[in-house]
Protein backbone atom coordinates (compact mmCIF):
# COMPACT_ATOMS: atom_id res chain seq x y z
CA MET A 1 21.89 19.49 23.76
CA ALA A 2 21.89 16.44 21.33
CA GLU A 3 19.08 16.12 18.95
CA PRO A 4 16.57 13.28 19.95
CA PHE A 5 17.74 10.21 17.96
CA PHE A 6 14.06 9.46 16.90
CA THR A 7 11.53 12.17 15.90
CA ARG A 8 9.37 10.39 13.55
CA ILE A 9 8.31 6.80 13.96
CA LEU A 10 6.23 5.20 11.12
CA VAL A 11 4.10 2.03 12.15
CA PRO A 12 2.50 0.13 9.36
CA VAL A 13 -0.47 -1.88 10.54
CA ASP A 14 -2.60 -4.33 9.19
CA PHE A 15 -4.74 -5.01 12.55
CA SER A 16 -3.35 -8.51 12.80
CA PRO A 17 -2.09 -9.44 16.41
CA CYS A 18 1.22 -8.96 15.05
CA SER A 19 0.90 -5.26 13.78
CA GLU A 20 -1.01 -4.37 17.06
CA GLU A 21 2.31 -5.66 19.08
CA ALA A 22 4.33 -3.56 16.80
CA PHE A 23 2.15 -0.27 17.46
CA ARG A 24 2.14 -1.22 21.16
CA ILE A 25 6.15 -1.09 21.04
CA ALA A 26 5.96 1.81 18.83
CA LEU A 27 4.00 3.92 21.23
CA THR A 28 6.39 3.06 23.89
CA LEU A 29 9.27 4.57 21.48
CA ALA A 30 7.23 7.46 20.78
CA LYS A 31 6.57 8.27 24.47
CA THR A 32 10.35 7.73 25.17
CA PHE A 33 12.01 9.87 22.33
CA GLN A 34 8.95 12.34 22.64
CA ALA A 35 8.42 11.29 18.84
CA GLU A 36 5.67 11.84 16.38
CA LEU A 37 3.96 8.57 15.33
CA LEU A 38 2.78 8.16 11.91
CA LEU A 39 0.13 5.34 11.64
CA LEU A 40 0.10 3.84 8.13
CA HIS A 41 -2.75 1.33 6.95
CA VAL A 42 -1.90 0.15 3.08
CA ILE A 43 -4.70 -1.25 1.28
CA ASP A 44 -3.04 -4.18 -0.86
CA THR A 45 -4.56 -3.47 -4.35
CA SER A 46 -2.41 -6.41 -5.85
CA ALA A 47 -3.69 -9.18 -3.60
CA LEU A 48 -7.15 -7.48 -4.12
CA ALA A 49 -7.02 -7.53 -7.94
CA ALA A 50 -5.49 -11.01 -7.89
CA PHE A 51 -8.54 -12.20 -5.84
CA ASN A 52 -11.06 -10.30 -7.91
CA ARG A 53 -9.31 -11.94 -11.08
CA LEU A 54 -9.86 -15.46 -9.35
CA GLY A 55 -13.48 -14.50 -8.74
CA LEU A 56 -12.93 -14.91 -4.85
CA LEU A 57 -13.79 -11.64 -3.75
CA ALA A 58 -16.08 -9.90 -6.08
CA VAL A 59 -16.76 -9.28 -9.58
CA PRO A 60 -14.44 -6.50 -11.51
CA SER A 61 -17.24 -4.09 -11.89
CA ASP A 62 -17.55 -4.04 -7.87
CA ALA A 63 -13.91 -3.38 -7.22
CA GLN A 64 -14.42 0.56 -6.19
CA ASN A 65 -17.09 -0.50 -3.89
CA GLN A 66 -14.83 -2.99 -2.68
CA LYS A 67 -11.96 -0.59 -1.92
CA ARG A 68 -14.44 1.97 -0.28
CA ARG A 69 -15.46 -0.68 2.19
CA LEU A 70 -11.61 -1.62 2.95
CA ARG A 71 -11.21 2.17 3.43
CA HIS A 72 -14.13 2.47 5.91
CA HIS A 73 -13.08 -1.05 7.66
CA ALA A 74 -9.46 0.94 7.88
CA ARG A 75 -10.82 3.91 9.57
CA LEU A 76 -12.46 1.81 11.96
CA ASN A 77 -9.86 -0.04 13.22
CA THR A 78 -7.68 2.79 13.08
CA ARG A 79 -9.85 4.74 15.55
CA ARG A 80 -10.19 1.49 17.91
CA LEU A 81 -6.29 1.72 17.90
CA LEU A 82 -6.45 5.38 18.40
CA ASP A 83 -9.12 5.33 21.33
CA SER A 84 -6.98 3.08 23.37
CA GLU A 85 -5.64 4.60 26.75
CA PRO A 86 -1.74 4.05 25.47
CA THR A 87 -2.10 6.80 23.02
CA LYS A 88 -2.62 9.72 25.24
CA GLY A 89 0.10 12.15 24.98
CA VAL A 90 1.60 10.70 21.79
CA ARG A 91 1.19 12.88 18.68
CA ILE A 92 0.01 10.58 16.02
CA THR A 93 -0.88 11.05 12.28
CA ARG A 94 -3.22 8.66 10.61
CA CYS A 95 -2.31 7.48 6.88
CA LEU A 96 -3.89 5.27 4.37
CA ALA A 97 -2.26 4.15 1.24
CA GLU A 98 -3.13 1.93 -1.63
CA GLY A 99 -0.76 -0.18 -3.47
CA VAL A 100 1.89 -2.88 -2.63
CA PRO A 101 2.44 -2.70 1.31
CA PHE A 102 6.02 -2.67 1.15
CA VAL A 103 6.53 -0.04 -1.64
CA GLU A 104 4.03 2.01 -0.13
CA ILE A 105 5.74 1.83 3.38
CA ALA A 106 9.20 2.59 1.91
CA LYS A 107 7.94 5.65 0.04
CA MET A 108 6.01 6.92 3.03
CA ALA A 109 9.48 6.41 4.97
CA ARG A 110 11.36 8.67 2.39
CA ILE A 111 8.65 11.26 1.86
CA GLU A 112 7.82 12.07 5.66
CA LYS A 113 11.52 11.64 6.68
CA VAL A 114 10.85 8.93 9.02
CA ASN A 115 13.88 7.81 11.49
CA LEU A 116 12.39 4.46 12.35
CA VAL A 117 9.88 1.96 10.90
CA VAL A 118 8.26 -0.50 13.60
CA LEU A 119 6.41 -3.38 11.78
CA GLY A 120 5.18 -6.58 12.90
CA SER A 121 6.75 -9.85 11.77
CA TYR A 122 5.93 -13.17 11.74
CA GLY A 123 9.26 -14.31 12.12
CA GLY A 124 8.94 -16.89 9.48
CA ARG A 125 5.98 -18.84 11.55
CA SER A 126 3.73 -18.14 9.05
CA GLY A 127 4.03 -21.27 7.27
CA SER A 128 3.28 -19.92 3.82
CA VAL A 129 4.94 -21.29 0.89
CA ASP A 130 4.53 -17.70 -0.79
CA LYS A 131 6.55 -16.25 2.13
CA MET A 132 9.64 -18.58 1.91
CA PHE A 133 9.98 -17.98 -1.89
CA PHE A 134 9.23 -14.27 -2.23
CA GLY A 135 9.95 -12.92 1.27
CA SER A 136 7.75 -11.20 3.77
CA THR A 137 6.83 -7.46 3.67
CA ALA A 138 8.82 -7.00 6.83
CA GLU A 139 11.96 -8.42 4.65
CA LYS A 140 11.30 -6.18 2.00
CA VAL A 141 10.84 -3.18 4.25
CA VAL A 142 14.20 -3.69 5.88
CA ARG A 143 16.03 -3.83 2.44
CA THR A 144 14.05 -0.94 1.07
CA ALA A 145 13.01 1.79 3.96
CA GLY A 146 16.27 3.80 3.83
CA CYS A 147 16.22 3.96 7.67
CA PRO A 148 16.37 1.60 10.72
CA VAL A 149 13.71 -0.86 10.84
CA LEU A 150 12.34 -2.51 14.21
CA THR A 151 10.59 -5.81 13.35
CA VAL A 152 8.20 -7.15 16.07
CA PRO A 153 7.40 -10.80 16.43
CA LEU A 154 4.27 -12.03 17.94
CA PRO A 155 4.63 -12.04 21.91
CA PRO A 156 5.09 -15.84 22.95
CA THR A 157 2.21 -17.58 24.15
CA PRO A 158 2.23 -18.36 27.62
CA LYS A 159 2.50 -22.28 28.34
CA ARG A 160 0.45 -23.87 30.72
């Protein structure tokens, strides 16, 4: 009998509607292939440091408390996702990392010997000048993950 095609699926989430759609798709794939799902949230420390330097979030002396709050927020949101009905019967491992999101995602894909990464992509609809010049996290993961990557756009909004 042939080996299952996907045995370990990584789904990075930032708790946006787009990443929650990717989580939904990843759950379906995990059930279909009886695969283990690794649910990853990355605290973007580079963006946090930039905001702190600009004085937009907190004074630098409060950085540790800020990270603690972000980890707590990530745990609460992860629990919300894992308590949903569609997760029943799927082996899910929660992971939390700090760093540059695309780097941490690619690193986890390699270290954990992931067969597939499923992540949300705004598909160029973000309208951000930063994304036009530097590329999105999804694009960078596609280039660096070392395994197949499925990008999931936001579902189209129904027209009235």
